[in-house]
Amino acid sequence: MILAAAQSAEQTRDLGISPYAVGAITLVIFTLLVLALLSFGKGREHS
């Protein structure tokens, strides 16, 4: 049982895309969303 758990812990999934690429894409998407939010709120007065 312990051996099977150790073997499964050593196996890694190869997703075909780097985790750094996923992080960079997420950062770009969130940055674009924040810029869109700021551009929509630019012409409005504060309540």
PDB file of N, CA and C in Angstrom:
ATOM      1  N   MET A   1       0.828  -1.194   0.000  1.00  0.00           N
ATOM      2  CA  MET A   1       0.000   0.000   0.000  1.00  0.00           C
ATOM      3  C   MET A   1       0.872   1.257   0.000  1.00  0.00           C
ATOM      4  N   ILE A   2       1.883   1.272   0.872  1.00  0.00           N
ATOM      5  CA  ILE A   2       2.774   2.438   0.919  1.00  0.00           C
ATOM      6  C   ILE A   2       3.554   2.566  -0.376  1.00  0.00           C
ATOM      7  N   LEU A   3       3.954   1.441  -0.948  1.00  0.00           N
ATOM      8  CA  LEU A   3       4.697   1.446  -2.203  1.00  0.00           C
ATOM      9  C   LEU A   3       3.841   2.008  -3.343  1.00  0.00           C
ATOM     10  N   ALA A   4       2.579   1.636  -3.377  1.00  0.00           N
ATOM     11  CA  ALA A   4       1.686   2.145  -4.417  1.00  0.00           C
ATOM     12  C   ALA A   4       1.480   3.648  -4.265  1.00  0.00           C
ATOM     13  N   ALA A   5       1.385   4.123  -3.030  1.00  0.00           N
ATOM     14  CA  ALA A   5       1.223   5.558  -2.804  1.00  0.00           C
ATOM     15  C   ALA A   5       2.481   6.313  -3.202  1.00  0.00           C
ATOM     16  N   ALA A   6       3.638   5.717  -2.943  1.00  0.00           N
ATOM     17  CA  ALA A   6       4.898   6.363  -3.313  1.00  0.00           C
ATOM     18  C   ALA A   6       5.054   6.412  -4.824  1.00  0.00           C
ATOM     19  N   GLN A   7       4.651   5.346  -5.511  1.00  0.00           N
ATOM     20  CA  GLN A   7       4.760   5.337  -6.972  1.00  0.00           C
ATOM     21  C   GLN A   7       3.802   6.337  -7.604  1.00  0.00           C
ATOM     22  N   SER A   8       2.608   6.456  -7.067  1.00  0.00           N
ATOM     23  CA  SER A   8       1.664   7.411  -7.637  1.00  0.00           C
ATOM     24  C   SER A   8       2.092   8.840  -7.357  1.00  0.00           C
ATOM     25  N   ALA A   9       2.795   9.077  -6.260  1.00  0.00           N
ATOM     26  CA  ALA A   9       3.277  10.420  -5.960  1.00  0.00           C
ATOM     27  C   ALA A   9       4.420  10.810  -6.884  1.00  0.00           C
ATOM     28  N   GLU A  10       5.176   9.812  -7.368  1.00  0.00           N
ATOM     29  CA  GLU A  10       6.295  10.113  -8.250  1.00  0.00           C
ATOM     30  C   GLU A  10       5.843  10.379  -9.677  1.00  0.00           C
ATOM     31  N   GLN A  11       4.698   9.873 -10.061  1.00  0.00           N
ATOM     32  CA  GLN A  11       4.214  10.073 -11.423  1.00  0.00           C
ATOM     33  C   GLN A  11       3.717  11.501 -11.575  1.00  0.00           C
ATOM     34  N   THR A  12       4.153  12.131 -12.644  1.00  0.00           N
ATOM     35  CA  THR A  12       3.709  13.501 -12.921  1.00  0.00           C
ATOM     36  C   THR A  12       2.891  13.491 -14.201  1.00  0.00           C
ATOM     37  N   ARG A  13       1.959  14.409 -14.278  1.00  0.00           N
ATOM     38  CA  ARG A  13       1.139  14.527 -15.475  1.00  0.00           C
ATOM     39  C   ARG A  13       1.840  15.451 -16.461  1.00  0.00           C
ATOM     40  N   ASP A  14       1.902  15.054 -17.699  1.00  0.00           N
ATOM     41  CA  ASP A  14       2.461  15.896 -18.746  1.00  0.00           C
ATOM     42  C   ASP A  14       1.293  16.516 -19.500  1.00  0.00           C
ATOM     43  N   LEU A  15       1.024  17.774 -19.203  1.00  0.00           N
ATOM     44  CA  LEU A  15      -0.133  18.433 -19.783  1.00  0.00           C
ATOM     45  C   LEU A  15       0.167  19.024 -21.154  1.00  0.00           C
ATOM     46  N   GLY A  16       1.445  19.110 -21.514  1.00  0.00           N
ATOM     47  CA  GLY A  16       1.787  19.649 -22.814  1.00  0.00           C
ATOM     48  C   GLY A  16       1.935  21.156 -22.822  1.00  0.00           C
ATOM     49  N   ILE A  17       1.663  21.813 -21.712  1.00  0.00           N
ATOM     50  CA  ILE A  17       1.825  23.264 -21.627  1.00  0.00           C
ATOM     51  C   ILE A  17       2.485  23.571 -20.292  1.00  0.00           C
ATOM     52  N   SER A  18       3.399  24.507 -20.336  1.00  0.00           N
ATOM     53  CA  SER A  18       4.170  24.854 -19.144  1.00  0.00           C
ATOM     54  C   SER A  18       3.288  25.574 -18.122  1.00  0.00           C
ATOM     55  N   PRO A  19       3.481  25.298 -16.835  1.00  0.00           N
ATOM     56  CA  PRO A  19       2.733  26.042 -15.819  1.00  0.00           C
ATOM     57  C   PRO A  19       3.026  27.547 -15.866  1.00  0.00           C
ATOM     58  N   TYR A  20       4.235  27.895 -16.293  1.00  0.00           N
ATOM     59  CA  TYR A  20       4.570  29.319 -16.439  1.00  0.00           C
ATOM     60  C   TYR A  20       3.766  29.964 -17.561  1.00  0.00           C
ATOM     61  N   ALA A  21       3.496  29.218 -18.620  1.00  0.00           N
ATOM     62  CA  ALA A  21       2.683  29.738 -19.713  1.00  0.00           C
ATOM     63  C   ALA A  21       1.243  29.949 -19.248  1.00  0.00           C
ATOM     64  N   VAL A  22       0.730  29.029 -18.457  1.00  0.00           N
ATOM     65  CA  VAL A  22      -0.628  29.184 -17.917  1.00  0.00           C
ATOM     66  C   VAL A  22      -0.698  30.425 -17.029  1.00  0.00           C
ATOM     67  N   GLY A  23       0.315  30.621 -16.193  1.00  0.00           N
ATOM     68  CA  GLY A  23       0.358  31.805 -15.332  1.00  0.00           C
ATOM     69  C   GLY A  23       0.459  33.084 -16.128  1.00  0.00           C
ATOM     70  N   ALA A  24       1.265  33.083 -17.179  1.00  0.00           N
ATOM     71  CA  ALA A  24       1.418  34.287 -18.005  1.00  0.00           C
ATOM     72  C   ALA A  24       0.129  34.618 -18.740  1.00  0.00           C
ATOM     73  N   ILE A  25      -0.546  33.599 -19.266  1.00  0.00           N
ATOM     74  CA  ILE A  25      -1.814  33.828 -19.960  1.00  0.00           C
ATOM     75  C   ILE A  25      -2.861  34.362 -18.987  1.00  0.00           C
ATOM     76  N   THR A  26      -2.906  33.805 -17.782  1.00  0.00           N
ATOM     77  CA  THR A  26      -3.848  34.278 -16.767  1.00  0.00           C
ATOM     78  C   THR A  26      -3.560  35.720 -16.380  1.00  0.00           C
ATOM     79  N   LEU A  27      -2.289  36.059 -16.241  1.00  0.00           N
ATOM     80  CA  LEU A  27      -1.914  37.428 -15.903  1.00  0.00           C
ATOM     81  C   LEU A  27      -2.333  38.405 -16.991  1.00  0.00           C
ATOM     82  N   VAL A  28      -2.146  38.027 -18.244  1.00  0.00           N
ATOM     83  CA  VAL A  28      -2.542  38.892 -19.362  1.00  0.00           C
ATOM     84  C   VAL A  28      -4.057  39.077 -19.387  1.00  0.00           C
ATOM     85  N   ILE A  29      -4.805  37.994 -19.162  1.00  0.00           N
ATOM     86  CA  ILE A  29      -6.272  38.091 -19.176  1.00  0.00           C
ATOM     87  C   ILE A  29      -6.761  39.006 -18.057  1.00  0.00           C
ATOM     88  N   PHE A  30      -6.217  38.823 -16.838  1.00  0.00           N
ATOM     89  CA  PHE A  30      -6.643  39.673 -15.726  1.00  0.00           C
ATOM     90  C   PHE A  30      -6.244  41.126 -15.938  1.00  0.00           C
ATOM     91  N   THR A  31      -5.073  41.357 -16.527  1.00  0.00           N
ATOM     92  CA  THR A  31      -4.651  42.729 -16.811  1.00  0.00           C
ATOM     93  C   THR A  31      -5.586  43.382 -17.822  1.00  0.00           C
ATOM     94  N   LEU A  32      -5.968  42.640 -18.854  1.00  0.00           N
ATOM     95  CA  LEU A  32      -6.912  43.180 -19.833  1.00  0.00           C
ATOM     96  C   LEU A  32      -8.274  43.471 -19.212  1.00  0.00           C
ATOM     97  N   LEU A  33      -8.720  42.603 -18.299  1.00  0.00           N
ATOM     98  CA  LEU A  33      -9.999  42.837 -17.631  1.00  0.00           C
ATOM     99  C   LEU A  33      -9.952  44.085 -16.752  1.00  0.00           C
ATOM    100  N   VAL A  34      -8.848  44.303 -16.056  1.00  0.00           N
ATOM    101  CA  VAL A  34      -8.713  45.496 -15.222  1.00  0.00           C
ATOM    102  C   VAL A  34      -8.668  46.752 -16.091  1.00  0.00           C
ATOM    103  N   LEU A  35      -7.949  46.695 -17.205  1.00  0.00           N
ATOM    104  CA  LEU A  35      -7.902  47.846 -18.108  1.00  0.00           C
ATOM    105  C   LEU A  35      -9.274  48.141 -18.703  1.00  0.00           C
ATOM    106  N   ALA A  36     -10.035  47.098 -19.040  1.00  0.00           N
ATOM    107  CA  ALA A  36     -11.392  47.302 -19.549  1.00  0.00           C
ATOM    108  C   ALA A  36     -12.275  47.926 -18.480  1.00  0.00           C
ATOM    109  N   LEU A  37     -12.132  47.483 -17.255  1.00  0.00           N
ATOM    110  CA  LEU A  37     -12.912  48.045 -16.155  1.00  0.00           C
ATOM    111  C   LEU A  37     -12.583  49.518 -15.945  1.00  0.00           C
ATOM    112  N   LEU A  38     -11.318  49.851 -15.992  1.00  0.00           N
ATOM    113  CA  LEU A  38     -10.916  51.251 -15.816  1.00  0.00           C
ATOM    114  C   LEU A  38     -11.374  52.114 -16.980  1.00  0.00           C
ATOM    115  N   SER A  39     -11.359  51.582 -18.194  1.00  0.00           N
ATOM    116  CA  SER A  39     -11.780  52.379 -19.341  1.00  0.00           C
ATOM    117  C   SER A  39     -13.289  52.622 -19.322  1.00  0.00           C
ATOM    118  N   PHE A  40     -14.068  51.659 -18.857  1.00  0.00           N
ATOM    119  CA  PHE A  40     -15.514  51.864 -18.781  1.00  0.00           C
ATOM    120  C   PHE A  40     -15.881  52.861 -17.690  1.00  0.00           C
ATOM    121  N   GLY A  41     -15.133  52.905 -16.622  1.00  0.00           N
ATOM    122  CA  GLY A  41     -15.459  53.804 -15.512  1.00  0.00           C
ATOM    123  C   GLY A  41     -14.834  55.178 -15.622  1.00  0.00           C
ATOM    124  N   LYS A  42     -14.110  55.438 -16.678  1.00  0.00           N
ATOM    125  CA  LYS A  42     -13.360  56.689 -16.787  1.00  0.00           C
ATOM    126  C   LYS A  42     -14.256  57.922 -16.919  1.00  0.00           C
ATOM    127  N   GLY A  43     -15.338  57.821 -17.670  1.00  0.00           N
ATOM    128  CA  GLY A  43     -16.157  58.992 -17.919  1.00  0.00           C
ATOM    129  C   GLY A  43     -17.288  59.200 -16.915  1.00  0.00           C
ATOM    130  N   ARG A  44     -17.367  58.378 -15.902  1.00  0.00           N
ATOM    131  CA  ARG A  44     -18.483  58.465 -14.965  1.00  0.00           C
ATOM    132  C   ARG A  44     -18.092  59.267 -13.731  1.00  0.00           C
ATOM    133  N   GLU A  45     -19.065  59.959 -13.203  1.00  0.00           N
ATOM    134  CA  GLU A  45     -18.826  60.708 -11.986  1.00  0.00           C
ATOM    135  C   GLU A  45     -18.908  59.773 -10.775  1.00  0.00           C
ATOM    136  N   HIS A  46     -18.253  60.185  -9.714  1.00  0.00           N
ATOM    137  CA  HIS A  46     -18.305  59.392  -8.490  1.00  0.00           C
ATOM    138  C   HIS A  46     -19.646  59.594  -7.807  1.00  0.00           C
ATOM    139  N   SER A  47     -20.172  58.568  -7.212  1.00  0.00           N
ATOM    140  CA  SER A  47     -21.468  58.684  -6.546  1.00  0.00           C
ATOM    141  C   SER A  47     -21.309  59.090  -5.101  1.00  0.00           C
TER     142      SER A  47
END
